[in-house]
Amino acid sequence: MADTYRVAVIGSTGRGNYGHGLDVVWRDIPQANLVAVADDNPEGLAQAKERLQLDQGFDDYRNMLTEVKPDIVSICPRWLDQHRDMVLMAAAEGVKGIYLEKPLCRTLEEADAMVAACQTNNVKVAVAHQTRYSPILAVVYRMIHEGRIGRVLEIRARGKEDQRGGGEDLWVLGTHVLDLMHYLGGDPKWCFGSVFQEGEPVDASHVQEGKEGIGPLAGDQVQATYALEDGIFGYFNSTRNAQAETSRFGIMIYGDQGIIAMNTGYLPSASWLPDPSWTPARTGKRWIPITSGGPGQPESLENGGLHSGNILACQDLIAAIEDNRSPESSLEAARTTTEMIVSVFESHRVGKKVFFPLQNRKNPLSELY
C-alpha cells in the first residue's frame, strides 16, 4: 500500500480536452500527488500546467508515460478515438490504475484489446460513469432488491434527444443510461434495434464520420429492445430534437408493484411511485422523492455535481488497486455497455436480433450496403 500515488494527466485540447473534470479531481484526493500533464496542443498544455500547478508538461503523452512512470494516469479526452492507444501505452508502461473518460472506445475490437492489456498487466481501470458512485443509486439498488416495486418487469432509458439525438446520442449519452440498465437489470442476452434517418431505415448512403472521434455514424432516431436477466426487458430510445425542457435523460424501472425513476449524476433526481397500476392520476398515489437517506427522507448531502462523483470514483480506484479488485465502474462493465450500443447498429445491419457476446467486433455501419 502506497502512502501517495504519483498521478499523471493526459488531455488533448480541441480533441476532447480534459473531459468532465478528470484532471482537477486529483487535487482533492489526499492519496494523490499530481506530477505531470501531457497535451498535444501548446496553448492547452500551458493552461493545464497552470491549472494543475505543475512544472512538468509534455507535448506527447507517450514521452510522459515513458519518462515519468506514474502510478495512475487520468485519460481525460472526451473524444474516444485515442482511448485505446492511450490505455495500451499506459498498461505497457506499468501504471497501476487508470481513470478513463467515457465513451470507452470506437469498436468492440478496441475494447477487447484494452481489456486484454489491462488484465495481463493487472491494471485497474475505472470509467467515468459517475452515477455508478452515487449514494442515491445505492438506495435505488437496495429498494429494488427489497422488493419496493415488486418484480422488475422492464427498464426504459432515453437519451438527451437534443441536436445529437439518434445515433450520436446513443454513443455519447446512452453510455450512461445503458450502464445503469446493465447494473440494475443484469447482463444483456440479446438486442433488437432499428436506426432511422428522416423516417427511412439507415443504409450506407446515410453513414458519415461521427463527431468526437466516434467513427462511422448514422441515424436521427434509434430504438432498441434488450433481453436482460430474470425476464427483464430493457428499452432505449432517442429522437433528434425531441428534448423536453426538463430533460427525460435517465431511466425508469417498472415493477409489478410500482416504478422508480431517476436521471444521472452524483445526486440524481430520483422518485418512487408505489402504485401497481402505474397511473397515479387514477389511483391518487404520489411520487415519493428518493434521497441518499432513503425514500421520503431529507437530503443531507451537498450536490457537488460531477466533481463529487469523480472524487468517489478516484477514491474507489485507489481502493481497488490496494485491494486487488475491480473498480465499481470497471473496464469490463464499460465494454458490456459499449456492446449494448454497438448491438443496436449490428441488429439493424442484419435485420434481426443479435446475441451477446456479439460475433462482429467492428463498427457495423462500416459494413452496411
Protein backbone atom coordinates (compact mmCIF):
# COMPACT_ATOMS: atom_id res chain seq x y z
CA MET A 1 0.00 0.00 0.00
CA ALA A 2 1.43 3.33 -1.06
CA ASP A 3 1.18 6.47 1.06
CA THR A 4 0.65 8.52 -2.09
CA TYR A 5 0.22 7.70 -5.74
CA ARG A 6 2.02 9.64 -8.47
CA VAL A 7 -0.67 10.74 -10.92
CA ALA A 8 -0.18 11.94 -14.49
CA VAL A 9 -2.87 13.55 -16.64
CA ILE A 10 -3.46 13.17 -20.39
CA GLY A 11 -5.52 15.83 -22.15
CA SER A 12 -5.99 16.83 -25.77
CA THR A 13 -7.16 20.41 -26.18
CA GLY A 14 -9.51 20.72 -29.15
CA ARG A 15 -9.97 16.94 -29.35
CA GLY A 16 -11.86 16.15 -26.18
CA ASN A 17 -9.94 18.45 -23.83
CA TYR A 18 -9.92 17.22 -20.21
CA GLY A 19 -13.30 15.57 -20.09
CA HIS A 20 -15.64 16.36 -17.26
CA GLY A 21 -13.05 17.39 -14.69
CA LEU A 22 -10.93 14.24 -14.83
CA ASP A 23 -7.82 16.37 -14.38
CA VAL A 24 -8.68 18.69 -11.47
CA VAL A 25 -10.30 15.95 -9.37
CA TRP A 26 -6.88 14.69 -8.31
CA ARG A 27 -6.19 17.93 -6.41
CA ASP A 28 -8.85 16.76 -3.93
CA ILE A 29 -7.58 13.22 -3.46
CA PRO A 30 -5.27 13.12 -0.39
CA GLN A 31 -3.52 9.93 -1.58
CA ALA A 32 -2.66 11.51 -4.95
CA ASN A 33 0.35 13.58 -5.98
CA LEU A 34 0.00 15.19 -9.40
CA VAL A 35 3.36 15.00 -11.15
CA ALA A 36 2.89 15.73 -14.88
CA VAL A 37 0.46 16.55 -17.66
CA ALA A 38 0.55 15.90 -21.41
CA ASP A 39 -1.33 17.79 -24.12
CA ASP A 40 -0.54 17.90 -27.84
CA ASN A 41 -1.84 21.49 -28.03
CA PRO A 42 0.79 24.02 -26.82
CA GLU A 43 -1.73 26.56 -25.53
CA GLY A 44 -3.79 23.86 -23.85
CA LEU A 45 -0.67 22.41 -22.25
CA ALA A 46 0.33 25.77 -20.80
CA GLN A 47 -3.16 26.28 -19.38
CA ALA A 48 -3.22 22.77 -17.91
CA LYS A 49 0.14 23.23 -16.20
CA GLU A 50 -1.13 26.44 -14.61
CA ARG A 51 -4.50 24.92 -13.67
CA LEU A 52 -2.89 21.87 -12.09
CA GLN A 53 0.06 23.81 -10.65
CA LEU A 54 2.59 21.61 -12.40
CA ASP A 55 6.09 22.34 -13.67
CA GLN A 56 6.37 19.19 -15.75
CA GLY A 57 4.48 19.17 -19.06
CA PHE A 58 4.80 17.09 -22.24
CA ASP A 59 3.52 17.59 -25.77
CA ASP A 60 3.33 13.80 -26.26
CA TYR A 61 1.70 11.51 -23.71
CA ARG A 62 3.94 8.65 -24.80
CA ASN A 63 7.06 10.51 -23.71
CA MET A 64 5.39 11.41 -20.43
CA LEU A 65 4.46 7.81 -19.64
CA THR A 66 7.96 6.59 -20.52
CA GLU A 67 9.86 9.25 -18.58
CA VAL A 68 7.60 9.85 -15.57
CA LYS A 69 6.38 6.28 -14.94
CA PRO A 70 3.28 7.34 -12.98
CA ASP A 71 1.32 5.03 -10.70
CA ILE A 72 -2.02 6.29 -12.00
CA VAL A 73 -2.93 8.06 -15.22
CA SER A 74 -6.07 10.06 -15.88
CA ILE A 75 -7.08 9.74 -19.54
CA CYS A 76 -9.32 12.75 -19.95
CA PRO A 77 -10.25 13.47 -23.61
CA ARG A 78 -13.96 13.10 -24.34
CA TRP A 79 -13.13 12.10 -27.91
CA LEU A 80 -12.83 8.32 -27.98
CA ASP A 81 -10.56 7.76 -30.97
CA GLN A 82 -7.36 7.88 -28.87
CA HIS A 83 -8.57 5.93 -25.84
CA ARG A 84 -7.36 2.51 -26.94
CA ASP A 85 -3.83 3.66 -27.77
CA MET A 86 -3.57 5.66 -24.54
CA VAL A 87 -4.75 2.73 -22.41
CA LEU A 88 -2.47 0.23 -24.14
CA MET A 89 0.55 2.50 -23.74
CA ALA A 90 -0.22 3.17 -20.08
CA ALA A 91 -0.65 -0.54 -19.35
CA ALA A 92 2.63 -1.36 -21.10
CA GLU A 93 4.47 1.30 -19.07
CA GLY A 94 3.42 -0.24 -15.76
CA VAL A 95 0.71 2.02 -14.34
CA LYS A 96 -1.35 0.56 -11.51
CA GLY A 97 -4.57 2.35 -12.32
CA ILE A 98 -6.36 4.40 -14.98
CA TYR A 99 -9.28 6.81 -14.67
CA LEU A 100 -10.82 6.91 -18.15
CA GLU A 101 -13.36 9.27 -19.69
CA LYS A 102 -16.38 7.76 -21.42
CA PRO A 103 -17.45 6.67 -24.02
CA LEU A 104 -14.99 3.81 -23.86
CA CYS A 105 -13.77 3.42 -27.46
CA ARG A 106 -14.89 3.12 -31.09
CA THR A 107 -15.30 -0.64 -31.55
CA LEU A 108 -15.54 -3.86 -29.57
CA GLU A 109 -12.26 -4.86 -31.19
CA GLU A 110 -10.64 -1.90 -29.43
CA ALA A 111 -12.43 -2.72 -26.18
CA ASP A 112 -11.18 -6.31 -26.29
CA ALA A 113 -7.59 -5.11 -26.75
CA MET A 114 -7.91 -2.73 -23.79
CA VAL A 115 -9.36 -5.42 -21.52
CA ALA A 116 -6.69 -7.93 -22.53
CA ALA A 117 -3.81 -5.47 -21.93
CA CYS A 118 -5.11 -4.37 -18.54
CA GLN A 119 -5.86 -7.88 -17.35
CA THR A 120 -2.41 -9.08 -18.45
CA ASN A 121 -0.70 -6.21 -16.61
CA ASN A 122 -3.12 -6.15 -13.62
CA VAL A 123 -4.11 -2.54 -14.30
CA LYS A 124 -7.29 -1.36 -12.59
CA VAL A 125 -9.43 0.86 -14.83
CA ALA A 126 -12.32 3.00 -13.63
CA VAL A 127 -14.56 4.51 -16.32
CA ALA A 128 -16.20 7.88 -15.62
CA HIS A 129 -19.81 6.77 -15.30
CA GLN A 130 -20.18 8.99 -12.23
CA THR A 131 -23.74 7.86 -11.41
CA ARG A 132 -22.41 4.42 -10.53
CA TYR A 133 -20.85 6.03 -7.46
CA SER A 134 -23.96 7.94 -6.41
CA PRO A 135 -25.25 7.32 -2.87
CA ILE A 136 -28.76 7.68 -4.32
CA LEU A 137 -28.12 4.85 -6.78
CA ALA A 138 -27.13 2.70 -3.80
CA VAL A 139 -30.54 3.43 -2.24
CA VAL A 140 -32.35 2.65 -5.51
CA TYR A 141 -30.46 -0.65 -5.82
CA ARG A 142 -31.40 -1.56 -2.24
CA MET A 143 -35.05 -0.64 -2.78
CA ILE A 144 -35.25 -2.83 -5.86
CA HIS A 145 -33.73 -5.79 -4.04
CA GLU A 146 -36.01 -5.22 -1.04
CA GLY A 147 -38.97 -5.58 -3.38
CA ARG A 148 -40.25 -1.99 -3.05
CA ILE A 149 -41.50 -2.09 -6.66
CA GLY A 150 -42.09 -5.84 -6.67
CA ARG A 151 -40.79 -7.96 -9.52
CA VAL A 152 -38.90 -5.83 -12.03
CA LEU A 153 -40.53 -6.09 -15.45
CA GLU A 154 -38.75 -3.54 -17.62
CA ILE A 155 -36.26 -0.67 -17.64
CA ARG A 156 -36.77 2.24 -20.03
CA ALA A 157 -33.98 4.66 -20.93
CA ARG A 158 -33.81 7.75 -23.11
CA GLY A 159 -31.01 9.99 -24.26
CA LYS A 160 -30.99 13.79 -24.10
CA GLU A 161 -32.61 13.97 -27.54
CA ASP A 162 -31.08 17.33 -28.41
CA GLN A 163 -29.32 18.02 -31.71
CA ARG A 164 -27.31 14.86 -31.08
CA GLY A 165 -30.47 12.73 -30.87
CA GLY A 166 -30.32 9.34 -32.53
CA GLY A 167 -27.02 7.60 -33.17
CA GLU A 168 -24.78 10.24 -31.60
CA ASP A 169 -26.98 10.40 -28.51
CA LEU A 170 -26.77 6.62 -28.19
CA TRP A 171 -22.96 6.73 -28.26
CA VAL A 172 -22.23 9.82 -26.20
CA LEU A 173 -25.03 9.85 -23.59
CA GLY A 174 -26.58 6.42 -23.96
CA THR A 175 -23.43 5.04 -22.39
CA HIS A 176 -24.56 6.47 -19.02
CA VAL A 177 -28.11 5.13 -19.03
CA LEU A 178 -27.22 1.78 -20.59
CA ASP A 179 -24.58 1.36 -17.89
CA LEU A 180 -27.34 1.86 -15.30
CA MET A 181 -29.62 -0.56 -17.16
CA HIS A 182 -26.89 -3.17 -17.10
CA TYR A 183 -26.15 -2.55 -13.42
CA LEU A 184 -29.77 -2.74 -12.28
CA GLY A 185 -31.15 -5.25 -14.80
CA GLY A 186 -28.27 -7.64 -15.29
CA ASP A 187 -26.29 -8.81 -18.30
CA PRO A 188 -27.87 -8.36 -21.75
CA LYS A 189 -28.77 -11.56 -23.60
CA TRP A 190 -29.85 -10.15 -26.96
CA CYS A 191 -30.78 -6.90 -28.68
CA PHE A 192 -33.19 -5.99 -31.45
CA GLY A 193 -32.59 -2.48 -32.75
CA SER A 194 -33.55 -0.16 -35.59
CA VAL A 195 -31.92 3.03 -36.85
CA PHE A 196 -33.67 5.65 -39.00
CA GLN A 197 -32.70 8.83 -40.86
CA GLU A 198 -35.58 11.20 -41.65
CA GLY A 199 -38.01 8.31 -41.34
CA GLU A 200 -36.09 5.94 -43.62
CA PRO A 201 -34.15 2.88 -42.44
CA VAL A 202 -30.46 3.75 -42.44
CA ASP A 203 -28.35 2.37 -45.28
CA ALA A 204 -24.79 3.03 -46.49
CA SER A 205 -25.78 6.35 -48.07
CA HIS A 206 -26.58 7.78 -44.62
CA VAL A 207 -23.27 6.86 -42.97
CA GLN A 208 -20.90 9.72 -42.19
CA GLU A 209 -17.92 10.22 -39.93
CA GLY A 210 -19.28 10.92 -36.46
CA LYS A 211 -18.26 13.80 -34.23
CA GLU A 212 -15.81 13.44 -31.33
CA GLY A 213 -13.93 10.55 -32.92
CA ILE A 214 -16.88 8.15 -32.83
CA GLY A 215 -16.18 6.74 -36.28
CA PRO A 216 -18.86 5.77 -38.84
CA LEU A 217 -22.24 7.04 -37.62
CA ALA A 218 -25.81 7.45 -38.84
CA GLY A 219 -29.35 7.92 -37.64
CA ASP A 220 -31.51 10.69 -36.19
CA GLN A 221 -33.72 8.14 -34.45
CA VAL A 222 -32.83 4.87 -32.75
CA GLN A 223 -34.84 2.35 -30.80
CA ALA A 224 -33.66 -0.83 -29.12
CA THR A 225 -35.05 -3.69 -27.07
CA TYR A 226 -32.78 -5.74 -24.80
CA ALA A 227 -33.43 -9.03 -23.06
CA LEU A 228 -31.77 -8.83 -19.63
CA GLU A 229 -31.59 -11.28 -16.75
CA ASP A 230 -34.58 -12.84 -14.92
CA GLY A 231 -37.05 -11.99 -17.67
CA ILE A 232 -36.42 -8.23 -17.51
CA PHE A 233 -36.62 -6.26 -20.73
CA GLY A 234 -34.77 -3.02 -21.40
CA TYR A 235 -35.64 -0.29 -23.89
CA PHE A 236 -33.62 2.62 -25.24
CA ASN A 237 -34.97 5.36 -27.50
CA SER A 238 -33.64 8.65 -28.83
CA THR A 239 -35.05 11.05 -31.42
CA ARG A 240 -33.19 14.15 -32.60
CA ASN A 241 -34.58 17.47 -31.36
CA ALA A 242 -37.29 15.81 -29.29
CA GLN A 243 -35.85 17.02 -25.98
CA ALA A 244 -38.06 18.28 -23.18
CA GLU A 245 -37.42 21.47 -21.20
CA THR A 246 -36.89 19.27 -18.16
CA SER A 247 -34.85 16.52 -19.75
CA ARG A 248 -36.10 12.92 -19.96
CA PHE A 249 -32.47 11.77 -19.98
CA GLY A 250 -32.42 8.94 -17.45
CA ILE A 251 -34.08 5.63 -16.68
CA MET A 252 -37.39 4.34 -15.34
CA ILE A 253 -37.58 0.95 -13.63
CA TYR A 254 -41.05 -0.62 -13.82
CA GLY A 255 -42.05 -3.33 -11.35
CA ASP A 256 -45.35 -5.10 -10.81
CA GLN A 257 -45.83 -3.03 -7.64
CA GLY A 258 -44.55 0.38 -8.73
CA ILE A 259 -41.97 2.50 -10.54
CA ILE A 260 -38.63 4.13 -9.73
CA ALA A 261 -37.46 6.99 -11.96
CA MET A 262 -34.04 8.63 -11.88
CA ASN A 263 -31.71 10.72 -14.01
CA THR A 264 -27.90 10.78 -13.83
CA GLY A 265 -25.18 12.43 -11.75
CA TYR A 266 -23.73 12.41 -8.25
CA LEU A 267 -27.09 13.24 -6.64
CA PRO A 268 -29.60 12.48 -9.39
CA SER A 269 -33.24 13.34 -9.10
CA ALA A 270 -34.99 10.09 -8.15
CA SER A 271 -38.56 9.23 -7.18
CA TRP A 272 -40.63 6.18 -6.23
CA LEU A 273 -44.24 5.56 -7.19
CA PRO A 274 -45.70 2.75 -5.02
CA ASP A 275 -48.55 2.12 -7.46
CA PRO A 276 -49.04 -1.25 -9.22
CA SER A 277 -51.25 0.39 -11.86
CA TRP A 278 -48.55 2.95 -12.82
CA THR A 279 -51.35 5.55 -13.14
CA PRO A 280 -51.22 7.95 -10.18
CA ALA A 281 -53.87 10.24 -11.67
CA ARG A 282 -56.37 7.40 -11.32
CA THR A 283 -55.27 5.91 -8.02
CA GLY A 284 -54.29 9.06 -6.12
CA LYS A 285 -50.84 7.65 -5.33
CA ARG A 286 -47.99 10.15 -5.21
CA TRP A 287 -44.38 10.10 -6.26
CA ILE A 288 -42.05 9.94 -3.24
CA PRO A 289 -38.61 11.57 -3.58
CA ILE A 290 -35.61 9.29 -3.03
CA THR A 291 -32.55 10.80 -1.37
CA SER A 292 -29.27 9.40 -0.08
CA GLY A 293 -31.11 8.90 3.24
CA GLY A 294 -33.87 6.84 1.67
CA PRO A 295 -37.36 7.36 0.22
CA GLY A 296 -39.16 10.33 1.69
CA GLN A 297 -36.13 11.45 3.71
CA PRO A 298 -34.47 14.89 3.53
CA GLU A 299 -31.23 15.14 1.57
CA SER A 300 -28.28 15.68 3.90
CA LEU A 301 -25.55 15.81 1.25
CA GLU A 302 -24.50 18.80 -0.82
CA ASN A 303 -24.65 18.29 -4.54
CA GLY A 304 -21.10 18.76 -5.77
CA GLY A 305 -22.06 17.66 -9.30
CA LEU A 306 -19.70 15.64 -11.46
CA HIS A 307 -16.73 16.67 -9.31
CA SER A 308 -18.16 14.82 -6.32
CA GLY A 309 -18.77 11.78 -8.50
CA ASN A 310 -15.19 11.97 -9.78
CA ILE A 311 -13.87 12.09 -6.22
CA LEU A 312 -15.76 8.93 -5.27
CA ALA A 313 -14.60 7.22 -8.46
CA CYS A 314 -10.92 8.07 -7.84
CA GLN A 315 -11.11 7.01 -4.21
CA ASP A 316 -12.65 3.72 -5.30
CA LEU A 317 -9.95 3.27 -7.97
CA ILE A 318 -7.23 3.61 -5.32
CA ALA A 319 -9.06 1.17 -3.06
CA ALA A 320 -9.36 -1.26 -5.99
CA ILE A 321 -5.60 -1.06 -6.55
CA GLU A 322 -4.89 -1.71 -2.88
CA ASP A 323 -7.48 -4.49 -2.53
CA ASN A 324 -6.69 -6.05 -5.93
CA ARG A 325 -10.31 -5.93 -7.07
CA SER A 326 -12.27 -4.38 -9.92
CA PRO A 327 -13.39 -0.76 -9.58
CA GLU A 328 -17.12 -0.15 -9.20
CA SER A 329 -17.34 1.19 -12.78
CA SER A 330 -14.89 -1.21 -14.35
CA LEU A 331 -13.39 -1.55 -17.81
CA GLU A 332 -15.20 -4.86 -18.29
CA ALA A 333 -18.56 -3.30 -17.38
CA ALA A 334 -17.89 -0.44 -19.81
CA ARG A 335 -17.15 -2.97 -22.54
CA THR A 336 -20.59 -4.50 -21.93
CA THR A 337 -22.17 -1.04 -22.16
CA THR A 338 -20.29 -0.42 -25.42
CA GLU A 339 -21.53 -3.78 -26.69
CA MET A 340 -25.10 -2.70 -25.91
CA ILE A 341 -24.52 0.43 -28.02
CA VAL A 342 -22.91 -1.43 -30.93
CA SER A 343 -25.59 -4.13 -30.85
CA VAL A 344 -28.24 -1.61 -31.94
CA PHE A 345 -26.37 -0.89 -35.17
CA GLU A 346 -25.47 -4.56 -35.68
CA SER A 347 -29.09 -5.66 -35.26
CA HIS A 348 -30.17 -3.00 -37.74
CA ARG A 349 -27.49 -4.17 -40.19
CA VAL A 350 -28.53 -7.83 -40.14
CA GLY A 351 -32.26 -7.16 -39.70
CA LYS A 352 -32.79 -9.40 -36.70
CA LYS A 353 -31.95 -9.68 -33.03
CA VAL A 354 -28.32 -10.27 -32.18
CA PHE A 355 -26.99 -12.24 -29.25
CA PHE A 356 -24.27 -11.37 -26.73
CA PRO A 357 -21.36 -11.59 -27.00
CA LEU A 358 -21.53 -10.13 -30.49
CA GLN A 359 -19.63 -12.01 -33.16
CA ASN A 360 -18.94 -8.82 -35.13
CA ARG A 361 -16.38 -6.79 -33.16
CA LYS A 362 -16.06 -4.00 -35.77
CA ASN A 363 -18.28 -0.96 -36.39
CA PRO A 364 -21.40 -2.41 -38.09
CA LEU A 365 -22.07 0.80 -40.03
CA SER A 366 -18.80 0.34 -41.93
CA GLU A 367 -20.28 -2.89 -43.33
CA LEU A 368 -23.66 -1.55 -44.46
CA TYR A 369 -24.59 -1.79 -48.14
